[in-house]
Every structure is written in structure tokens, then in C-alpha cells.
């Protein structure tokens, strides 16, 4: 939740429920993309 609030904001800006759902989905995909970019990949070396 802390990451969500710092990147997206503390509250939804849309008024209608459908628009809030869309806003949430966009926020989740942005955070997932940021998370995937920050994870290191490991390869086993013999």
C-alpha cells in the first residue's frame, strides 16, 4: 500500500464505480511493471 500511495496517490480520482475500477487496473499494471523491472535475474554458472 505504501508503494501504491507514493506512486499512484492516496485516493482514486474517478467518481463512478466503473471508472474507479479502470483506474485501479491501470495502477496495478503500472506497479506490476515497475516491480518486474526491479527484480534481478539469476543464472547458474558452473
Protein backbone atom coordinates (compact mmCIF):
# COMPACT_ATOMS: atom_id res chain seq x y z
CA UNK A 1 0.00 0.00 0.00
CA UNK A 2 2.86 2.36 0.69
CA UNK A 3 4.21 1.93 -2.82
CA UNK A 4 0.71 2.44 -4.25
CA UNK A 5 0.23 5.69 -2.32
CA UNK A 6 3.62 7.06 -3.26
CA UNK A 7 3.28 6.30 -6.98
CA UNK A 8 -0.46 6.48 -7.71
CA UNK A 9 -1.78 8.69 -4.92
CA UNK A 10 -3.78 8.32 -1.75
CA UNK A 11 -7.22 8.24 -3.33
CA UNK A 12 -8.95 7.44 -6.59
CA UNK A 13 -9.74 10.47 -8.68
CA UNK A 14 -12.68 9.00 -10.61
CA UNK A 15 -16.21 9.39 -9.32
CA UNK A 16 -18.09 6.48 -10.90
CA UNK A 17 -17.50 2.88 -9.92
CA UNK A 18 -16.65 1.73 -13.45
CA UNK A 19 -14.06 4.46 -13.84
CA UNK A 20 -12.60 3.66 -10.40
CA UNK A 21 -12.21 0.03 -11.46
CA UNK A 22 -10.41 1.10 -14.61
CA UNK A 23 -8.18 3.47 -12.66
CA UNK A 24 -7.31 0.69 -10.21
CA UNK A 25 -6.47 -1.75 -13.01
CA UNK A 26 -4.18 0.80 -14.63
CA UNK A 27 -2.47 1.47 -11.29
CA UNK A 28 -1.97 -2.24 -10.63
CA UNK A 29 -0.45 -2.82 -14.07
CA UNK A 30 1.90 0.13 -13.61
CA UNK A 31 3.07 -1.18 -10.23
CA UNK A 32 3.48 -4.72 -11.60
CA UNK A 33 5.60 -3.37 -14.46
CA UNK A 34 7.75 -1.37 -12.03
CA UNK A 35 8.18 -4.44 -9.83
CA UNK A 36 9.16 -6.67 -12.74
CA UNK A 37 11.78 -4.15 -13.90
CA UNK A 38 13.36 -4.06 -10.47
CA UNK A 39 13.84 -7.80 -9.95
CA UNK A 40 17.26 -9.19 -10.80
CA UNK A 41 17.57 -12.32 -12.94
CA UNK A 42 19.96 -15.04 -11.83
CA UNK A 43 21.76 -17.58 -13.94
CA UNK A 44 23.60 -20.58 -12.58
CA UNK A 45 27.26 -20.64 -13.55
CA UNK A 46 29.18 -23.88 -13.24
